[in-house]
């Protein structure tokens, strides 16, 4: 018994201010709009362990060695009887009402519901479940569905940015509940939202055959470095380079190189050395004499805003001012990610603006995580 005459075996409502207040047993206490929860003190020195079964641990319970013997959110059952008896001190528990779920169950179901094509849901841990990319590609989100799920308080769904380039195994989303007892009806509603269309998916990169034409004058070492840089990027996307030609910066030579690239089976051309600001540039003239045209002069991204988009009768063309750009992270890389995941090049270029201010590789970088050195 406590000094106020109340037994420790009482429900403790979790108030909006985070404080615990003792109230008589069996009294249902309403809290915020997140719903009421029922908490109580369980004392294994006076209560049999069976009285804790089915309840959820409200806070981590450290053992004598400092390590947690019972973790927050754990739903207790007969397998925990010995640990409860050995505690020798009181702990706080959450009693689940019929129709309520513990955190791990919520996380598991929510992650499984939102994990669309190209992803898979991980098993929950510490009340949270992650969704990971199952393939290399671009993450696509149904953002209105993400918002709708998060409107179901206390459900929490957080994701990587829409359009982000991901590798197999990368985290793309996390799912959990912000409370230890959650109405199952909320999870059912989130599952209904997810059934209407995928909430998130990773669109795999399609295999392309790439022809490369450079008009810069290169020394042998520079030529090898540029060739390897382009090949690493192309291979990272799962595509192949079918030809690499270094030719003079004049119309006839570039026209012939384009013809040979298409003859090699290329369905996408990377072309360096042309300036879209100069309408009679030999590279652009070569594109025209080969039956092609420039579709987009520059793209809304930095660095690399002067990347240009063109087309030939049988293949799109992506151009940059100098081949040195192939060895750097620029707008071309952002464009390639979209093109390799199925976007039309001109449309892909137009869509770069939101998030297009991207400089340098970093943990939050939008650039593909290419290998940074030549394979040995």
Protein backbone atom coordinates (compact mmCIF):
# COMPACT_ATOMS: atom_id res chain seq x y z
CA UNK A 1 0.00 0.00 0.00
CA UNK A 2 1.09 3.56 -0.70
CA UNK A 3 0.84 6.45 1.76
CA UNK A 4 -2.44 7.68 0.27
CA UNK A 5 -4.09 4.33 0.87
CA UNK A 6 -4.02 3.28 -2.77
CA UNK A 7 -2.49 -0.04 -3.79
CA UNK A 8 0.33 -0.06 -6.33
CA UNK A 9 -1.90 -2.24 -8.46
CA UNK A 10 -3.64 0.72 -10.08
CA UNK A 11 -3.95 1.98 -13.58
CA UNK A 12 -1.70 4.88 -14.47
CA UNK A 13 -3.08 7.04 -17.29
CA UNK A 14 -0.42 8.62 -19.46
CA UNK A 15 -1.46 12.28 -19.61
CA UNK A 16 -0.83 14.72 -22.44
CA UNK A 17 1.94 16.30 -20.34
CA UNK A 18 3.65 12.92 -19.97
CA UNK A 19 2.97 12.62 -16.23
CA UNK A 20 1.53 9.52 -14.58
CA UNK A 21 -1.44 9.85 -12.25
CA UNK A 22 -2.77 7.12 -9.99
CA UNK A 23 -6.47 6.31 -10.42
CA UNK A 24 -8.61 3.46 -9.12
CA UNK A 25 -8.41 0.10 -10.83
CA UNK A 26 -10.80 -0.69 -13.72
CA UNK A 27 -11.49 3.01 -14.27
CA UNK A 28 -11.10 3.86 -17.94
CA UNK A 29 -9.10 7.08 -18.27
CA UNK A 30 -9.43 9.21 -21.41
CA UNK A 31 -6.33 11.03 -22.57
CA UNK A 32 -5.59 13.00 -25.73
CA UNK A 33 -7.11 12.33 -29.14
CA UNK A 34 -4.53 9.58 -29.54
CA UNK A 35 -6.86 7.54 -27.34
CA UNK A 36 -6.65 6.24 -23.80
CA UNK A 37 -4.05 3.78 -22.55
CA UNK A 38 -4.13 1.69 -19.43
CA UNK A 39 -0.91 1.49 -17.44
CA UNK A 40 -0.26 -0.19 -14.11
CA UNK A 41 2.51 -1.13 -11.76
CA UNK A 42 3.40 -4.81 -11.61
CA UNK A 43 5.41 -5.96 -8.59
CA UNK A 44 6.86 -9.47 -9.00
CA UNK A 45 7.66 -9.63 -5.27
CA UNK A 46 3.94 -9.77 -4.49
CA UNK A 47 2.19 -10.58 -7.77
CA UNK A 48 2.46 -13.89 -9.63
CA UNK A 49 4.08 -13.57 -13.08
CA UNK A 50 0.84 -14.71 -14.71
CA UNK A 51 -0.67 -11.31 -13.91
CA UNK A 52 1.80 -9.72 -16.31
CA UNK A 53 1.13 -12.05 -19.24
CA UNK A 54 -0.44 -10.32 -22.23
CA UNK A 55 0.66 -6.88 -21.08
CA UNK A 56 3.35 -4.70 -22.66
CA UNK A 57 6.47 -3.42 -20.92
CA UNK A 58 6.18 0.39 -20.71
CA UNK A 59 9.91 1.17 -20.31
CA UNK A 60 13.22 -0.64 -20.72
CA UNK A 61 14.02 -2.71 -17.63
CA UNK A 62 17.77 -2.96 -16.93
CA UNK A 63 19.25 -5.93 -15.14
CA UNK A 64 21.97 -5.91 -12.50
CA UNK A 65 24.64 -5.82 -15.24
CA UNK A 66 23.15 -2.71 -16.81
CA UNK A 67 21.79 -4.53 -19.86
CA UNK A 68 18.07 -4.57 -20.50
CA UNK A 69 16.40 -7.80 -19.44
CA UNK A 70 13.01 -6.62 -20.69
CA UNK A 71 12.67 -4.11 -23.49
CA UNK A 72 10.07 -1.41 -23.92
CA UNK A 73 7.21 -2.61 -26.09
CA UNK A 74 7.73 -6.31 -25.31
CA UNK A 75 4.50 -8.23 -24.92
CA UNK A 76 4.93 -10.59 -22.00
CA UNK A 77 4.01 -14.26 -21.96
CA UNK A 78 4.96 -17.45 -20.13
CA UNK A 79 8.47 -17.45 -21.60
CA UNK A 80 9.23 -14.32 -19.54
CA UNK A 81 8.11 -15.77 -16.19
CA UNK A 82 11.62 -16.46 -14.89
CA UNK A 83 12.86 -13.02 -15.87
CA UNK A 84 9.92 -11.38 -14.10
CA UNK A 85 10.48 -13.34 -10.90
CA UNK A 86 14.19 -12.54 -10.94
CA UNK A 87 13.60 -8.78 -11.18
CA UNK A 88 12.78 -8.27 -7.55
CA UNK A 89 11.30 -4.83 -8.19
CA UNK A 90 8.19 -3.22 -9.63
CA UNK A 91 7.86 -2.33 -13.32
CA UNK A 92 5.30 -0.43 -15.40
CA UNK A 93 3.05 -2.32 -17.80
CA UNK A 94 0.53 -1.33 -20.45
CA UNK A 95 -2.64 -3.41 -20.59
CA UNK A 96 -3.97 -3.91 -24.11
CA UNK A 97 -7.69 -3.66 -24.65
CA UNK A 98 -9.39 -6.01 -27.11
CA UNK A 99 -8.71 -4.66 -30.57
CA UNK A 100 -5.34 -3.12 -29.63
CA UNK A 101 -1.90 -4.16 -30.89
CA UNK A 102 1.60 -3.79 -29.48
CA UNK A 103 4.26 -1.77 -31.33
CA UNK A 104 6.02 -4.65 -33.07
CA UNK A 105 2.76 -6.02 -34.45
CA UNK A 106 1.79 -2.59 -35.76
CA UNK A 107 5.22 -2.03 -37.32
CA UNK A 108 5.23 -5.44 -39.00
CA UNK A 109 1.80 -5.02 -40.55
CA UNK A 110 2.33 -1.42 -41.62
CA UNK A 111 5.69 -2.15 -43.26
CA UNK A 112 4.27 -5.20 -45.04
CA UNK A 113 1.31 -3.15 -46.29
CA UNK A 114 3.35 -0.33 -47.84
CA UNK A 115 6.19 -2.44 -49.27
CA UNK A 116 5.47 -2.44 -53.01
CA UNK A 117 7.28 -3.91 -56.03
CA UNK A 118 11.05 -3.88 -55.77
CA UNK A 119 11.02 -3.69 -51.96
CA UNK A 120 10.66 -6.00 -48.98
CA UNK A 121 9.66 -5.45 -45.36
CA UNK A 122 12.08 -6.39 -42.59
CA UNK A 123 11.02 -7.97 -39.30
CA UNK A 124 10.34 -5.37 -36.60
CA UNK A 125 12.94 -4.47 -33.98
CA UNK A 126 12.43 -2.18 -30.97
CA UNK A 127 8.98 -1.24 -32.21
CA UNK A 128 10.02 -0.25 -35.75
CA UNK A 129 10.15 -2.10 -39.05
CA UNK A 130 12.17 -1.02 -42.06
CA UNK A 131 11.41 -1.45 -45.74
CA UNK A 132 14.45 -2.07 -47.94
CA UNK A 133 15.10 -1.97 -51.65
CA UNK A 134 15.14 -5.45 -53.18
CA UNK A 135 16.63 -4.18 -56.46
CA UNK A 136 18.80 -1.33 -57.72
CA UNK A 137 16.65 1.45 -59.11
CA UNK A 138 14.65 4.60 -58.32
CA UNK A 139 12.30 4.92 -55.38
CA UNK A 140 8.81 6.06 -56.35
CA UNK A 141 6.28 7.18 -53.75
CA UNK A 142 2.57 7.77 -53.73
CA UNK A 143 3.04 10.81 -51.51
CA UNK A 144 -0.65 11.37 -50.87
CA UNK A 145 -0.88 7.82 -49.50
CA UNK A 146 2.11 8.43 -47.20
CA UNK A 147 0.33 11.54 -45.89
CA UNK A 148 -2.94 9.61 -45.48
CA UNK A 149 -1.24 6.92 -43.39
CA UNK A 150 0.44 9.53 -41.19
CA UNK A 151 -2.96 11.14 -40.65
CA UNK A 152 -3.93 7.96 -38.79
CA UNK A 153 -2.37 9.02 -35.48
CA UNK A 154 -0.32 7.48 -33.90
CA UNK A 155 0.85 5.57 -36.99
CA UNK A 156 4.18 6.80 -38.37
CA UNK A 157 5.45 6.15 -41.90
CA UNK A 158 8.67 7.85 -43.03
CA UNK A 159 10.46 7.36 -46.33
CA UNK A 160 13.46 8.35 -48.40
CA UNK A 161 12.79 11.06 -50.97
CA UNK A 162 10.70 10.28 -54.03
CA UNK A 163 12.93 9.60 -57.04
CA UNK A 164 15.97 8.73 -54.95
CA UNK A 165 18.47 6.35 -56.53
CA UNK A 166 18.86 3.27 -54.31
CA UNK A 167 20.93 0.13 -54.30
CA UNK A 168 19.73 -3.29 -53.19
CA UNK A 169 19.46 -3.38 -49.40
CA UNK A 170 19.12 0.39 -48.91
CA UNK A 171 16.52 1.59 -46.42
CA UNK A 172 13.62 3.22 -48.24
CA UNK A 173 11.05 3.50 -45.42
CA UNK A 174 10.39 2.95 -41.74
CA UNK A 175 7.10 2.14 -40.01
CA UNK A 176 6.03 2.23 -36.38
CA UNK A 177 3.45 3.47 -33.91
CA UNK A 178 4.13 6.34 -31.54
CA UNK A 179 2.33 4.50 -28.73
CA UNK A 180 2.70 1.10 -27.11
CA UNK A 181 -1.00 0.27 -27.59
CA UNK A 182 -2.58 1.04 -30.95
CA UNK A 183 -6.10 0.41 -32.17
CA UNK A 184 -6.00 -2.34 -34.78
CA UNK A 185 -8.69 -0.46 -36.72
CA UNK A 186 -6.08 2.17 -37.61
CA UNK A 187 -3.77 -0.48 -39.03
CA UNK A 188 -6.64 -1.98 -41.01
CA UNK A 189 -7.34 1.45 -42.51
CA UNK A 190 -3.65 1.87 -43.43
CA UNK A 191 -3.75 -1.55 -45.10
CA UNK A 192 -6.83 -0.46 -47.05
CA UNK A 193 -4.99 2.65 -48.30
CA UNK A 194 -2.06 0.51 -49.38
CA UNK A 195 -4.26 -1.98 -51.26
CA UNK A 196 -5.60 0.65 -53.65
CA UNK A 197 -2.14 1.17 -55.24
CA UNK A 198 1.47 0.69 -54.14
CA UNK A 199 2.51 3.28 -51.54
CA UNK A 200 6.17 2.88 -52.44
CA UNK A 201 8.11 0.89 -55.00
CA UNK A 202 11.60 0.70 -56.45
CA UNK A 203 11.56 0.83 -60.24
CA UNK A 204 14.52 -1.24 -61.48
CA UNK A 205 16.87 0.19 -64.07
CA UNK A 206 16.36 -1.15 -67.57
CA UNK A 207 19.32 -2.51 -69.47
CA UNK A 208 20.44 -0.14 -72.23
CA UNK A 209 23.13 -0.31 -74.92
CA UNK A 210 25.20 2.87 -74.85
CA UNK A 211 27.29 4.36 -77.63
CA UNK A 212 29.79 7.05 -76.58
CA UNK A 213 31.21 9.73 -78.88
CA UNK A 214 33.75 12.29 -77.59
CA UNK A 215 35.21 15.15 -79.62
CA UNK A 216 37.72 16.34 -77.03
CA UNK A 217 41.39 15.79 -77.85
CA UNK A 218 42.69 13.42 -75.21
CA UNK A 219 46.07 12.10 -74.20
CA UNK A 220 46.25 8.29 -73.86
CA UNK A 221 46.06 8.41 -70.06
CA UNK A 222 43.14 10.86 -70.14
CA UNK A 223 41.34 8.73 -72.72
CA UNK A 224 41.68 5.66 -70.50
CA UNK A 225 40.42 7.53 -67.43
CA UNK A 226 37.37 8.89 -69.25
CA UNK A 227 36.60 5.51 -70.81
CA UNK A 228 36.78 3.80 -67.40
CA UNK A 229 34.69 6.49 -65.68
CA UNK A 230 31.91 6.17 -68.25
CA UNK A 231 32.02 2.39 -68.19
CA UNK A 232 31.79 2.27 -64.38
CA UNK A 233 28.71 4.45 -64.42
CA UNK A 234 27.02 2.56 -67.23
CA UNK A 235 27.73 -0.81 -65.62
CA UNK A 236 26.45 0.41 -62.24
CA UNK A 237 23.08 0.95 -63.90
CA UNK A 238 23.25 -2.57 -65.35
CA UNK A 239 23.80 -1.41 -68.92
CA UNK A 240 26.65 -1.90 -71.38
CA UNK A 241 28.84 0.35 -73.51
CA UNK A 242 28.69 -0.92 -77.09
CA UNK A 243 31.12 1.59 -78.61
CA UNK A 244 33.54 4.37 -77.65
CA UNK A 245 34.78 6.74 -80.33
CA UNK A 246 37.10 9.74 -80.06
CA UNK A 247 36.78 11.87 -83.20
CA UNK A 248 37.62 15.33 -84.49
CA UNK A 249 35.32 18.22 -83.61
CA UNK A 250 33.91 18.54 -87.11
CA UNK A 251 30.59 17.66 -88.66
CA UNK A 252 31.58 14.80 -90.97
CA UNK A 253 33.60 12.93 -88.32
CA UNK A 254 30.86 13.22 -85.70
CA UNK A 255 28.18 12.14 -88.18
CA UNK A 256 30.16 9.01 -89.03
CA UNK A 257 30.75 8.24 -85.34
CA UNK A 258 27.03 8.53 -84.66
CA UNK A 259 26.27 6.21 -87.57
CA UNK A 260 28.75 3.62 -86.26
CA UNK A 261 27.41 3.87 -82.72
CA UNK A 262 23.90 3.12 -83.96
CA UNK A 263 25.26 0.27 -86.08
CA UNK A 264 26.79 -1.25 -82.95
CA UNK A 265 23.27 -1.58 -81.53
CA UNK A 266 23.28 1.47 -79.30
CA UNK A 267 19.85 2.62 -78.11
CA UNK A 268 21.25 5.64 -76.24
CA UNK A 269 24.10 7.96 -77.28
CA UNK A 270 26.34 9.93 -74.92
CA UNK A 271 27.99 12.77 -76.83
CA UNK A 272 30.56 15.29 -75.59
CA UNK A 273 32.02 18.46 -77.07
CA UNK A 274 28.94 20.20 -78.41
CA UNK A 275 27.74 23.58 -77.16
CA UNK A 276 23.95 24.03 -77.29
CA UNK A 277 24.55 27.81 -77.14
CA UNK A 278 26.14 27.75 -80.59
CA UNK A 279 23.55 26.74 -83.22
CA UNK A 280 26.23 26.04 -85.84
CA UNK A 281 28.48 24.02 -83.55
CA UNK A 282 29.84 21.07 -85.62
CA UNK A 283 28.47 18.54 -83.11
CA UNK A 284 24.97 19.97 -83.35
CA UNK A 285 25.22 20.19 -87.13
CA UNK A 286 26.25 16.52 -87.19
CA UNK A 287 23.16 15.66 -85.16
CA UNK A 288 20.98 17.46 -87.70
CA UNK A 289 22.65 15.89 -90.75
CA UNK A 290 22.10 12.49 -89.13
CA UNK A 291 18.36 13.10 -88.97
CA UNK A 292 18.31 14.25 -85.34
CA UNK A 293 17.61 17.41 -83.40
CA UNK A 294 18.17 19.12 -80.06
CA UNK A 295 15.11 18.80 -77.81
CA UNK A 296 16.27 20.44 -74.60
CA UNK A 297 19.01 23.08 -74.29
CA UNK A 298 20.19 22.78 -70.70
CA UNK A 299 18.54 21.12 -67.72
CA UNK A 300 17.27 22.59 -64.41
CA UNK A 301 20.02 21.14 -62.21
CA UNK A 302 23.42 22.20 -60.89
CA UNK A 303 26.19 21.30 -61.42
CA UNK A 304 25.84 20.44 -65.10
CA UNK A 305 22.99 22.71 -66.12
CA UNK A 306 24.29 22.86 -69.70
CA UNK A 307 23.70 19.16 -70.31
CA UNK A 308 21.48 18.96 -73.36
CA UNK A 309 18.99 16.44 -74.69
CA UNK A 310 18.60 15.47 -78.33
CA UNK A 311 17.38 12.62 -80.47
CA UNK A 312 18.25 10.56 -83.51
CA UNK A 313 15.66 8.56 -85.46
CA UNK A 314 16.41 5.40 -83.45
CA UNK A 315 17.99 6.62 -80.19
CA UNK A 316 17.98 9.53 -77.76
CA UNK A 317 21.14 11.59 -77.29
CA UNK A 318 22.47 13.10 -74.06
CA UNK A 319 25.19 15.69 -74.55
CA UNK A 320 27.69 17.55 -72.37
CA UNK A 321 30.13 20.33 -73.17
CA UNK A 322 33.28 18.37 -72.33
CA UNK A 323 34.05 14.74 -71.63
CA UNK A 324 35.60 15.74 -68.28
CA UNK A 325 32.01 15.88 -67.05
CA UNK A 326 31.73 12.12 -67.42
CA UNK A 327 34.12 11.70 -64.49
CA UNK A 328 32.16 13.98 -62.14
CA UNK A 329 28.77 13.93 -60.46
CA UNK A 330 26.62 16.29 -62.52
CA UNK A 331 23.11 16.74 -63.84
CA UNK A 332 23.95 14.06 -66.40
CA UNK A 333 23.99 11.44 -63.63
CA UNK A 334 20.60 12.56 -62.34
CA UNK A 335 19.29 12.42 -65.89
CA UNK A 336 20.73 8.95 -66.51
CA UNK A 337 19.00 7.59 -63.40
CA UNK A 338 15.63 8.75 -64.72
CA UNK A 339 16.25 7.58 -68.29
CA UNK A 340 17.46 4.15 -67.12
CA UNK A 341 14.29 3.78 -65.04
CA UNK A 342 12.06 4.39 -68.05
CA UNK A 343 11.49 8.16 -68.28
CA UNK A 344 11.65 9.84 -71.70
CA UNK A 345 14.86 11.94 -71.74
CA UNK A 346 13.20 15.32 -72.36
CA UNK A 347 10.55 14.67 -69.71
CA UNK A 348 13.25 13.47 -67.32
CA UNK A 349 15.20 16.67 -67.88
CA UNK A 350 12.16 18.84 -67.17
CA UNK A 351 11.55 17.00 -63.89
CA UNK A 352 15.04 17.61 -62.47
CA UNK A 353 14.26 21.06 -61.09
CA UNK A 354 12.81 19.98 -57.74
CA UNK A 355 15.92 18.78 -55.92
CA UNK A 356 18.16 19.79 -58.81
CA UNK A 357 20.45 21.94 -56.66
CA UNK A 358 22.84 19.14 -55.77
CA UNK A 359 26.55 19.60 -55.29
CA UNK A 360 28.98 16.86 -54.31
CA UNK A 361 28.58 13.32 -53.02
CA UNK A 362 27.35 13.07 -49.43
CA UNK A 363 25.15 10.73 -47.36
CA UNK A 364 22.14 12.75 -48.52
CA UNK A 365 23.34 13.15 -52.10
CA UNK A 366 20.92 12.44 -54.94
CA UNK A 367 23.75 11.06 -57.08
CA UNK A 368 24.09 7.32 -57.72
CA UNK A 369 26.74 5.75 -55.44
CA UNK A 370 29.07 4.71 -58.23
CA UNK A 371 32.41 3.04 -57.52
CA UNK A 372 34.90 5.87 -57.16
CA UNK A 373 37.95 4.08 -58.55
CA UNK A 374 38.85 1.65 -61.31
CA UNK A 375 38.19 -1.99 -60.47
CA UNK A 376 41.30 -4.08 -59.99
